[in-house]
Amino acid sequence: MAATSDNTRVITVLYFARLREALGTGSERIALPAAVRDVEGVRALLVARGGEWNKALAPGSPVRAAVNQAVAAGDTPVADGDEIAFFPPVTGG
């Protein structure tokens, strides 16, 4: 997806498991402000909404991220058209 003429970048954000339940949505499209360049910036943008967003995605909370289905760190860049997923850590036995 190409950026629009005003350089707006739009991403799709997916929420899984307890995050989907807490936030009441499984996905949304977000137009990113110019200052948001990476996964941590996206997370901070969502946390700034307050309420359940702050509780579910607050710094230090156990949340993992993926960009275009590849596990990502906070400093992983995000670009127009990317799919960003947030999910709780998975445990196995």
PDB file of N, CA and C in Angstrom:
ATOM      1  N   MET A   1       0.855  -1.176   0.000  1.00  0.00           N
ATOM      2  CA  MET A   1       0.000   0.000   0.000  1.00  0.00           C
ATOM      3  C   MET A   1       0.894   1.230   0.000  1.00  0.00           C
ATOM      4  N   ALA A   2       0.696   2.106  -0.935  1.00  0.00           N
ATOM      5  CA  ALA A   2       1.508   3.313  -1.017  1.00  0.00           C
ATOM      6  C   ALA A   2       0.949   4.388  -0.094  1.00  0.00           C
ATOM      7  N   ALA A   3       1.854   5.232   0.386  1.00  0.00           N
ATOM      8  CA  ALA A   3       1.422   6.344   1.235  1.00  0.00           C
ATOM      9  C   ALA A   3       0.549   7.283   0.410  1.00  0.00           C
ATOM     10  N   THR A   4      -0.384   7.927   1.064  1.00  0.00           N
ATOM     11  CA  THR A   4      -1.243   8.866   0.365  1.00  0.00           C
ATOM     12  C   THR A   4      -0.456  10.114   0.007  1.00  0.00           C
ATOM     13  N   SER A   5      -1.068  10.982  -0.759  1.00  0.00           N
ATOM     14  CA  SER A   5      -0.364  12.164  -1.238  1.00  0.00           C
ATOM     15  C   SER A   5       0.109  13.080  -0.110  1.00  0.00           C
ATOM     16  N   ASP A   6      -0.524  13.017   1.055  1.00  0.00           N
ATOM     17  CA  ASP A   6      -0.077  13.857   2.163  1.00  0.00           C
ATOM     18  C   ASP A   6       0.908  13.110   3.079  1.00  0.00           C
ATOM     19  N   ASN A   7       1.465  12.026   2.582  1.00  0.00           N
ATOM     20  CA  ASN A   7       2.460  11.214   3.297  1.00  0.00           C
ATOM     21  C   ASN A   7       1.908  10.502   4.527  1.00  0.00           C
ATOM     22  N   THR A   8       0.597  10.354   4.623  1.00  0.00           N
ATOM     23  CA  THR A   8       0.011   9.595   5.714  1.00  0.00           C
ATOM     24  C   THR A   8       0.345   8.123   5.527  1.00  0.00           C
ATOM     25  N   ARG A   9       0.808   7.502   6.609  1.00  0.00           N
ATOM     26  CA  ARG A   9       1.064   6.066   6.596  1.00  0.00           C
ATOM     27  C   ARG A   9      -0.057   5.387   7.360  1.00  0.00           C
ATOM     28  N   VAL A  10      -0.629   4.356   6.774  1.00  0.00           N
ATOM     29  CA  VAL A  10      -1.721   3.628   7.408  1.00  0.00           C
ATOM     30  C   VAL A  10      -1.282   2.187   7.635  1.00  0.00           C
ATOM     31  N   ILE A  11      -1.481   1.712   8.865  1.00  0.00           N
ATOM     32  CA  ILE A  11      -1.140   0.336   9.209  1.00  0.00           C
ATOM     33  C   ILE A  11      -2.394  -0.374   9.708  1.00  0.00           C
ATOM     34  N   THR A  12      -2.321  -1.687   9.728  1.00  0.00           N
ATOM     35  CA  THR A  12      -3.363  -2.498  10.344  1.00  0.00           C
ATOM     36  C   THR A  12      -2.787  -3.063  11.629  1.00  0.00           C
ATOM     37  N   VAL A  13      -3.537  -2.924  12.717  1.00  0.00           N
ATOM     38  CA  VAL A  13      -3.093  -3.454  14.011  1.00  0.00           C
ATOM     39  C   VAL A  13      -4.041  -4.580  14.403  1.00  0.00           C
ATOM     40  N   LEU A  14      -3.460  -5.724  14.772  1.00  0.00           N
ATOM     41  CA  LEU A  14      -4.224  -6.889  15.209  1.00  0.00           C
ATOM     42  C   LEU A  14      -3.976  -7.125  16.685  1.00  0.00           C
ATOM     43  N   TYR A  15      -5.023  -7.551  17.392  1.00  0.00           N
ATOM     44  CA  TYR A  15      -4.926  -7.858  18.822  1.00  0.00           C
ATOM     45  C   TYR A  15      -5.381  -9.297  19.028  1.00  0.00           C
ATOM     46  N   PHE A  16      -4.615 -10.057  19.799  1.00  0.00           N
ATOM     47  CA  PHE A  16      -4.926 -11.468  20.009  1.00  0.00           C
ATOM     48  C   PHE A  16      -5.137 -11.796  21.479  1.00  0.00           C
ATOM     49  N   ALA A  17      -5.883 -12.875  21.705  1.00  0.00           N
ATOM     50  CA  ALA A  17      -6.102 -13.464  23.030  1.00  0.00           C
ATOM     51  C   ALA A  17      -6.659 -12.442  24.013  1.00  0.00           C
ATOM     52  N   ARG A  18      -6.038 -12.331  25.193  1.00  0.00           N
ATOM     53  CA  ARG A  18      -6.566 -11.455  26.240  1.00  0.00           C
ATOM     54  C   ARG A  18      -6.591  -9.990  25.812  1.00  0.00           C
ATOM     55  N   LEU A  19      -5.724  -9.596  24.899  1.00  0.00           N
ATOM     56  CA  LEU A  19      -5.732  -8.206  24.427  1.00  0.00           C
ATOM     57  C   LEU A  19      -7.014  -7.920  23.641  1.00  0.00           C
ATOM     58  N   ARG A  20      -7.396  -8.843  22.784  1.00  0.00           N
ATOM     59  CA  ARG A  20      -8.640  -8.680  22.019  1.00  0.00           C
ATOM     60  C   ARG A  20      -9.828  -8.554  22.969  1.00  0.00           C
ATOM     61  N   GLU A  21      -9.835  -9.386  24.016  1.00  0.00           N
ATOM     62  CA  GLU A  21     -10.925  -9.342  24.996  1.00  0.00           C
ATOM     63  C   GLU A  21     -10.938  -8.010  25.751  1.00  0.00           C
ATOM     64  N   ALA A  22      -9.781  -7.593  26.238  1.00  0.00           N
ATOM     65  CA  ALA A  22      -9.689  -6.374  27.039  1.00  0.00           C
ATOM     66  C   ALA A  22     -10.024  -5.120  26.225  1.00  0.00           C
ATOM     67  N   LEU A  23      -9.616  -5.102  24.958  1.00  0.00           N
ATOM     68  CA  LEU A  23      -9.780  -3.906  24.136  1.00  0.00           C
ATOM     69  C   LEU A  23     -11.073  -3.903  23.342  1.00  0.00           C
ATOM     70  N   GLY A  24     -11.734  -5.048  23.285  1.00  0.00           N
ATOM     71  CA  GLY A  24     -13.012  -5.122  22.603  1.00  0.00           C
ATOM     72  C   GLY A  24     -12.937  -5.081  21.086  1.00  0.00           C
ATOM     73  N   THR A  25     -11.764  -5.373  20.541  1.00  0.00           N
ATOM     74  CA  THR A  25     -11.604  -5.393  19.089  1.00  0.00           C
ATOM     75  C   THR A  25     -10.468  -6.347  18.717  1.00  0.00           C
ATOM     76  N   GLY A  26     -10.572  -6.924  17.539  1.00  0.00           N
ATOM     77  CA  GLY A  26      -9.527  -7.808  17.053  1.00  0.00           C
ATOM     78  C   GLY A  26      -8.583  -7.125  16.084  1.00  0.00           C
ATOM     79  N   SER A  27      -9.034  -5.984  15.529  1.00  0.00           N
ATOM     80  CA  SER A  27      -8.175  -5.290  14.569  1.00  0.00           C
ATOM     81  C   SER A  27      -8.683  -3.868  14.327  1.00  0.00           C
ATOM     82  N   GLU A  28      -7.797  -3.064  13.788  1.00  0.00           N
ATOM     83  CA  GLU A  28      -8.155  -1.701  13.388  1.00  0.00           C
ATOM     84  C   GLU A  28      -7.098  -1.171  12.438  1.00  0.00           C
ATOM     85  N   ARG A  29      -7.481  -0.179  11.672  1.00  0.00           N
ATOM     86  CA  ARG A  29      -6.536   0.527  10.806  1.00  0.00           C
ATOM     87  C   ARG A  29      -6.233   1.859  11.466  1.00  0.00           C
ATOM     88  N   ILE A  30      -4.964   2.231  11.455  1.00  0.00           N
ATOM     89  CA  ILE A  30      -4.532   3.462  12.111  1.00  0.00           C
ATOM     90  C   ILE A  30      -3.670   4.270  11.154  1.00  0.00           C
ATOM     91  N   ALA A  31      -3.960   5.568  11.067  1.00  0.00           N
ATOM     92  CA  ALA A  31      -3.090   6.499  10.352  1.00  0.00           C
ATOM     93  C   ALA A  31      -2.020   6.940  11.347  1.00  0.00           C
ATOM     94  N   LEU A  32      -0.776   6.723  11.000  1.00  0.00           N
ATOM     95  CA  LEU A  32       0.321   7.030  11.927  1.00  0.00           C
ATOM     96  C   LEU A  32       0.780   8.479  11.824  1.00  0.00           C
ATOM     97  N   PRO A  33       0.965   9.130  12.963  1.00  0.00           N
ATOM     98  CA  PRO A  33       1.604  10.445  12.952  1.00  0.00           C
ATOM     99  C   PRO A  33       3.046  10.309  12.438  1.00  0.00           C
ATOM    100  N   ALA A  34       3.582  11.357  11.882  1.00  0.00           N
ATOM    101  CA  ALA A  34       4.933  11.320  11.313  1.00  0.00           C
ATOM    102  C   ALA A  34       5.985  10.868  12.322  1.00  0.00           C
ATOM    103  N   ALA A  35       5.796  11.193  13.600  1.00  0.00           N
ATOM    104  CA  ALA A  35       6.792  10.862  14.623  1.00  0.00           C
ATOM    105  C   ALA A  35       6.835   9.371  14.964  1.00  0.00           C
ATOM    106  N   VAL A  36       5.807   8.618  14.605  1.00  0.00           N
ATOM    107  CA  VAL A  36       5.774   7.185  14.938  1.00  0.00           C
ATOM    108  C   VAL A  36       6.492   6.415  13.843  1.00  0.00           C
ATOM    109  N   ARG A  37       7.631   5.832  14.214  1.00  0.00           N
ATOM    110  CA  ARG A  37       8.489   5.159  13.239  1.00  0.00           C
ATOM    111  C   ARG A  37       8.703   3.675  13.501  1.00  0.00           C
ATOM    112  N   ASP A  38       8.373   3.209  14.730  1.00  0.00           N
ATOM    113  CA  ASP A  38       8.681   1.818  15.077  1.00  0.00           C
ATOM    114  C   ASP A  38       7.573   1.214  15.934  1.00  0.00           C
ATOM    115  N   VAL A  39       7.737  -0.061  16.261  1.00  0.00           N
ATOM    116  CA  VAL A  39       6.726  -0.786  17.036  1.00  0.00           C
ATOM    117  C   VAL A  39       6.486  -0.109  18.383  1.00  0.00           C
ATOM    118  N   GLU A  40       7.533   0.310  19.044  1.00  0.00           N
ATOM    119  CA  GLU A  40       7.361   0.972  20.344  1.00  0.00           C
ATOM    120  C   GLU A  40       6.575   2.269  20.202  1.00  0.00           C
ATOM    121  N   GLY A  41       6.774   2.977  19.102  1.00  0.00           N
ATOM    122  CA  GLY A  41       6.005   4.184  18.851  1.00  0.00           C
ATOM    123  C   GLY A  41       4.523   3.894  18.658  1.00  0.00           C
ATOM    124  N   VAL A  42       4.221   2.797  17.958  1.00  0.00           N
ATOM    125  CA  VAL A  42       2.824   2.386  17.788  1.00  0.00           C
ATOM    126  C   VAL A  42       2.218   2.044  19.141  1.00  0.00           C
ATOM    127  N   ARG A  43       2.968   1.282  19.929  1.00  0.00           N
ATOM    128  CA  ARG A  43       2.469   0.899  21.262  1.00  0.00           C
ATOM    129  C   ARG A  43       2.217   2.135  22.124  1.00  0.00           C
ATOM    130  N   ALA A  44       3.136   3.097  22.104  1.00  0.00           N
ATOM    131  CA  ALA A  44       2.981   4.331  22.884  1.00  0.00           C
ATOM    132  C   ALA A  44       1.757   5.124  22.409  1.00  0.00           C
ATOM    133  N   LEU A  45       1.518   5.145  21.116  1.00  0.00           N
ATOM    134  CA  LEU A  45       0.349   5.823  20.567  1.00  0.00           C
ATOM    135  C   LEU A  45      -0.937   5.195  21.105  1.00  0.00           C
ATOM    136  N   LEU A  46      -0.969   3.877  21.168  1.00  0.00           N
ATOM    137  CA  LEU A  46      -2.144   3.173  21.678  1.00  0.00           C
ATOM    138  C   LEU A  46      -2.309   3.373  23.182  1.00  0.00           C
ATOM    139  N   VAL A  47      -1.211   3.308  23.930  1.00  0.00           N
ATOM    140  CA  VAL A  47      -1.252   3.518  25.381  1.00  0.00           C
ATOM    141  C   VAL A  47      -1.794   4.911  25.705  1.00  0.00           C
ATOM    142  N   ALA A  48      -1.460   5.886  24.876  1.00  0.00           N
ATOM    143  CA  ALA A  48      -1.897   7.267  25.108  1.00  0.00           C
ATOM    144  C   ALA A  48      -3.413   7.422  25.036  1.00  0.00           C
ATOM    145  N   ARG A  49      -4.111   6.434  24.521  1.00  0.00           N
ATOM    146  CA  ARG A  49      -5.575   6.472  24.512  1.00  0.00           C
ATOM    147  C   ARG A  49      -6.140   6.381  25.930  1.00  0.00           C
ATOM    148  N   GLY A  50      -5.334   5.855  26.858  1.00  0.00           N
ATOM    149  CA  GLY A  50      -5.754   5.737  28.251  1.00  0.00           C
ATOM    150  C   GLY A  50      -6.653   4.535  28.484  1.00  0.00           C
ATOM    151  N   GLY A  51      -7.248   4.472  29.659  1.00  0.00           N
ATOM    152  CA  GLY A  51      -8.185   3.412  30.015  1.00  0.00           C
ATOM    153  C   GLY A  51      -7.630   2.019  29.808  1.00  0.00           C
ATOM    154  N   GLU A  52      -8.427   1.167  29.184  1.00  0.00           N
ATOM    155  CA  GLU A  52      -8.023  -0.227  28.945  1.00  0.00           C
ATOM    156  C   GLU A  52      -6.786  -0.322  28.063  1.00  0.00           C
ATOM    157  N   TRP A  53      -6.616   0.628  27.150  1.00  0.00           N
ATOM    158  CA  TRP A  53      -5.446   0.625  26.272  1.00  0.00           C
ATOM    159  C   TRP A  53      -4.178   0.754  27.098  1.00  0.00           C
ATOM    160  N   ASN A  54      -4.206   1.662  28.063  1.00  0.00           N
ATOM    161  CA  ASN A  54      -3.045   1.860  28.931  1.00  0.00           C
ATOM    162  C   ASN A  54      -2.785   0.610  29.763  1.00  0.00           C
ATOM    163  N   LYS A  55      -3.830   0.021  30.309  1.00  0.00           N
ATOM    164  CA  LYS A  55      -3.663  -1.190  31.131  1.00  0.00           C
ATOM    165  C   LYS A  55      -3.113  -2.353  30.321  1.00  0.00           C
ATOM    166  N   ALA A  56      -3.666  -2.584  29.143  1.00  0.00           N
ATOM    167  CA  ALA A  56      -3.304  -3.756  28.349  1.00  0.00           C
ATOM    168  C   ALA A  56      -1.927  -3.656  27.702  1.00  0.00           C
ATOM    169  N   LEU A  57      -1.516  -2.445  27.322  1.00  0.00           N
ATOM    170  CA  LEU A  57      -0.286  -2.284  26.541  1.00  0.00           C
ATOM    171  C   LEU A  57       0.794  -1.468  27.246  1.00  0.00           C
ATOM    172  N   ALA A  58       0.601  -1.174  28.519  1.00  0.00           N
ATOM    173  CA  ALA A  58       1.556  -0.339  29.263  1.00  0.00           C
ATOM    174  C   ALA A  58       2.974  -0.905  29.190  1.00  0.00           C
ATOM    175  N   PRO A  59       3.965  -0.020  29.205  1.00  0.00           N
ATOM    176  CA  PRO A  59       5.350  -0.484  29.247  1.00  0.00           C
ATOM    177  C   PRO A  59       5.541  -1.435  30.425  1.00  0.00           C
ATOM    178  N   GLY A  60       6.242  -2.504  30.186  1.00  0.00           N
ATOM    179  CA  GLY A  60       6.487  -3.485  31.231  1.00  0.00           C
ATOM    180  C   GLY A  60       5.453  -4.599  31.272  1.00  0.00           C
ATOM    181  N   SER A  61       4.305  -4.398  30.596  1.00  0.00           N
ATOM    182  CA  SER A  61       3.316  -5.475  30.569  1.00  0.00           C
ATOM    183  C   SER A  61       3.771  -6.545  29.577  1.00  0.00           C
ATOM    184  N   PRO A  62       3.434  -7.805  29.866  1.00  0.00           N
ATOM    185  CA  PRO A  62       3.919  -8.899  29.012  1.00  0.00           C
ATOM    186  C   PRO A  62       3.161  -8.964  27.682  1.00  0.00           C
ATOM    187  N   VAL A  63       3.648  -8.207  26.714  1.00  0.00           N
ATOM    188  CA  VAL A  63       3.042  -8.170  25.388  1.00  0.00           C
ATOM    189  C   VAL A  63       4.155  -8.326  24.356  1.00  0.00           C
ATOM    190  N   ARG A  64       3.923  -9.182  23.388  1.00  0.00           N
ATOM    191  CA  ARG A  64       4.860  -9.381  22.280  1.00  0.00           C
ATOM    192  C   ARG A  64       4.277  -8.690  21.049  1.00  0.00           C
ATOM    193  N   ALA A  65       5.129  -8.508  20.038  1.00  0.00           N
ATOM    194  CA  ALA A  65       4.683  -7.866  18.802  1.00  0.00           C
ATOM    195  C   ALA A  65       5.252  -8.599  17.601  1.00  0.00           C
ATOM    196  N   ALA A  66       4.564  -8.453  16.486  1.00  0.00           N
ATOM    197  CA  ALA A  66       5.045  -8.970  15.206  1.00  0.00           C
ATOM    198  C   ALA A  66       4.734  -7.928  14.139  1.00  0.00           C
ATOM    199  N   VAL A  67       5.618  -7.824  13.161  1.00  0.00           N
ATOM    200  CA  VAL A  67       5.401  -6.961  12.010  1.00  0.00           C
ATOM    201  C   VAL A  67       5.363  -7.862  10.786  1.00  0.00           C
ATOM    202  N   ASN A  68       4.254  -7.824  10.091  1.00  0.00           N
ATOM    203  CA  ASN A  68       4.068  -8.660   8.908  1.00  0.00           C
ATOM    204  C   ASN A  68       4.373 -10.127   9.203  1.00  0.00           C
ATOM    205  N   GLN A  69       3.889 -10.591  10.343  1.00  0.00           N
ATOM    206  CA  GLN A  69       3.949 -11.970  10.810  1.00  0.00           C
ATOM    207  C   GLN A  69       5.359 -12.436  11.201  1.00  0.00           C
ATOM    208  N   ALA A  70       6.267 -11.510  11.431  1.00  0.00           N
ATOM    209  CA  ALA A  70       7.610 -11.839  11.933  1.00  0.00           C
ATOM    210  C   ALA A  70       7.769 -11.199  13.305  1.00  0.00           C
ATOM    211  N   VAL A  71       8.213 -11.967  14.295  1.00  0.00           N
ATOM    212  CA  VAL A  71       8.395 -11.440  15.646  1.00  0.00           C
ATOM    213  C   VAL A  71       9.267 -10.188  15.584  1.00  0.00           C
ATOM    214  N   ALA A  72       8.851  -9.157  16.333  1.00  0.00           N
ATOM    215  CA  ALA A  72       9.505  -7.855  16.241  1.00  0.00           C
ATOM    216  C   ALA A  72       9.877  -7.325  17.617  1.00  0.00           C
ATOM    217  N   ALA A  73      10.910  -6.508  17.639  1.00  0.00           N
ATOM    218  CA  ALA A  73      11.329  -5.794  18.847  1.00  0.00           C
ATOM    219  C   ALA A  73      10.737  -4.387  18.801  1.00  0.00           C
ATOM    220  N   GLY A  74      10.877  -3.667  19.895  1.00  0.00           N
ATOM    221  CA  GLY A  74      10.351  -2.307  19.967  1.00  0.00           C
ATOM    222  C   GLY A  74      10.919  -1.373  18.920  1.00  0.00           C
ATOM    223  N   ASP A  75      12.171  -1.597  18.530  1.00  0.00           N
ATOM    224  CA  ASP A  75      12.806  -0.707  17.560  1.00  0.00           C
ATOM    225  C   ASP A  75      12.636  -1.166  16.109  1.00  0.00           C
ATOM    226  N   THR A  76      11.794  -2.184  15.882  1.00  0.00           N
ATOM    227  CA  THR A  76      11.519  -2.633  14.515  1.00  0.00           C
ATOM    228  C   THR A  76      10.725  -1.543  13.789  1.00  0.00           C
ATOM    229  N   PRO A  77      11.220  -1.094  12.636  1.00  0.00           N
ATOM    230  CA  PRO A  77      10.523  -0.032  11.901  1.00  0.00           C
ATOM    231  C   PRO A  77       9.145  -0.477  11.408  1.00  0.00           C
ATOM    232  N   VAL A  78       8.235   0.477  11.286  1.00  0.00           N
ATOM    233  CA  VAL A  78       6.929   0.231  10.678  1.00  0.00           C
ATOM    234  C   VAL A  78       6.775   1.148   9.479  1.00  0.00           C
ATOM    235  N   ALA A  79       6.139   0.619   8.433  1.00  0.00           N
ATOM    236  CA  ALA A  79       5.968   1.366   7.194  1.00  0.00           C
ATOM    237  C   ALA A  79       4.515   1.313   6.761  1.00  0.00           C
ATOM    238  N   ASP A  80       4.179   2.175   5.841  1.00  0.00           N
ATOM    239  CA  ASP A  80       2.837   2.220   5.297  1.00  0.00           C
ATOM    240  C   ASP A  80       2.437   0.826   4.812  1.00  0.00           C
ATOM    241  N   GLY A  81       1.236   0.395   5.201  1.00  0.00           N
ATOM    242  CA  GLY A  81       0.718  -0.892   4.763  1.00  0.00           C
ATOM    243  C   GLY A  81       1.102  -2.069   5.637  1.00  0.00           C
ATOM    244  N   ASP A  82       1.955  -1.861   6.631  1.00  0.00           N
ATOM    245  CA  ASP A  82       2.372  -2.965   7.502  1.00  0.00           C
ATOM    246  C   ASP A  82       1.219  -3.469   8.361  1.00  0.00           C
ATOM    247  N   GLU A  83       1.340  -4.717   8.769  1.00  0.00           N
ATOM    248  CA  GLU A  83       0.418  -5.332   9.716  1.00  0.00           C
ATOM    249  C   GLU A  83       1.190  -5.544  11.018  1.00  0.00           C
ATOM    250  N   ILE A  84       0.730  -4.923  12.092  1.00  0.00           N
ATOM    251  CA  ILE A  84       1.371  -5.023  13.397  1.00  0.00           C
ATOM    252  C   ILE A  84       0.442  -5.826  14.296  1.00  0.00           C
ATOM    253  N   ALA A  85       0.956  -6.888  14.897  1.00  0.00           N
ATOM    254  CA  ALA A  85       0.150  -7.709  15.800  1.00  0.00           C
ATOM    255  C   ALA A  85       0.703  -7.597  17.216  1.00  0.00           C
ATOM    256  N   PHE A  86      -0.193  -7.474  18.175  1.00  0.00           N
ATOM    257  CA  PHE A  86       0.165  -7.498  19.592  1.00  0.00           C
ATOM    258  C   PHE A  86      -0.505  -8.714  20.220  1.00  0.00           C
ATOM    259  N   PHE A  87       0.266  -9.460  21.012  1.00  0.00           N
ATOM    260  CA  PHE A  87      -0.242 -10.686  21.607  1.00  0.00           C
ATOM    261  C   PHE A  87       0.495 -10.985  22.898  1.00  0.00           C
ATOM    262  N   PRO A  88      -0.145 -11.704  23.810  1.00  0.00           N
ATOM    263  CA  PRO A  88       0.538 -12.096  25.048  1.00  0.00           C
ATOM    264  C   PRO A  88       1.562 -13.181  24.755  1.00  0.00           C
ATOM    265  N   PRO A  89       2.572 -13.312  25.614  1.00  0.00           N
ATOM    266  CA  PRO A  89       3.540 -14.393  25.419  1.00  0.00           C
ATOM    267  C   PRO A  89       2.842 -15.745  25.499  1.00  0.00           C
ATOM    268  N   VAL A  90       3.343 -16.684  24.754  1.00  0.00           N
ATOM    269  CA  VAL A  90       2.763 -18.032  24.735  1.00  0.00           C
ATOM    270  C   VAL A  90       3.640 -18.943  25.563  1.00  0.00           C
ATOM    271  N   THR A  91       3.013 -19.727  26.412  1.00  0.00           N
ATOM    272  CA  THR A  91       3.774 -20.696  27.190  1.00  0.00           C
ATOM    273  C   THR A  91       3.407 -22.092  26.705  1.00  0.00           C
ATOM    274  N   GLY A  92       4.306 -22.983  26.874  1.00  0.00           N
ATOM    275  CA  GLY A  92       4.060 -24.359  26.452  1.00  0.00           C
ATOM    276  C   GLY A  92       4.584 -25.338  27.479  1.00  0.00           C
ATOM    277  N   GLY A  93       4.284 -26.567  27.262  1.00  0.00           N
ATOM    278  CA  GLY A  93       4.740 -27.558  28.236  1.00  0.00           C
ATOM    279  C   GLY A  93       5.006 -28.876  27.637  1.00  0.00           C
TER     280      GLY A  93
END
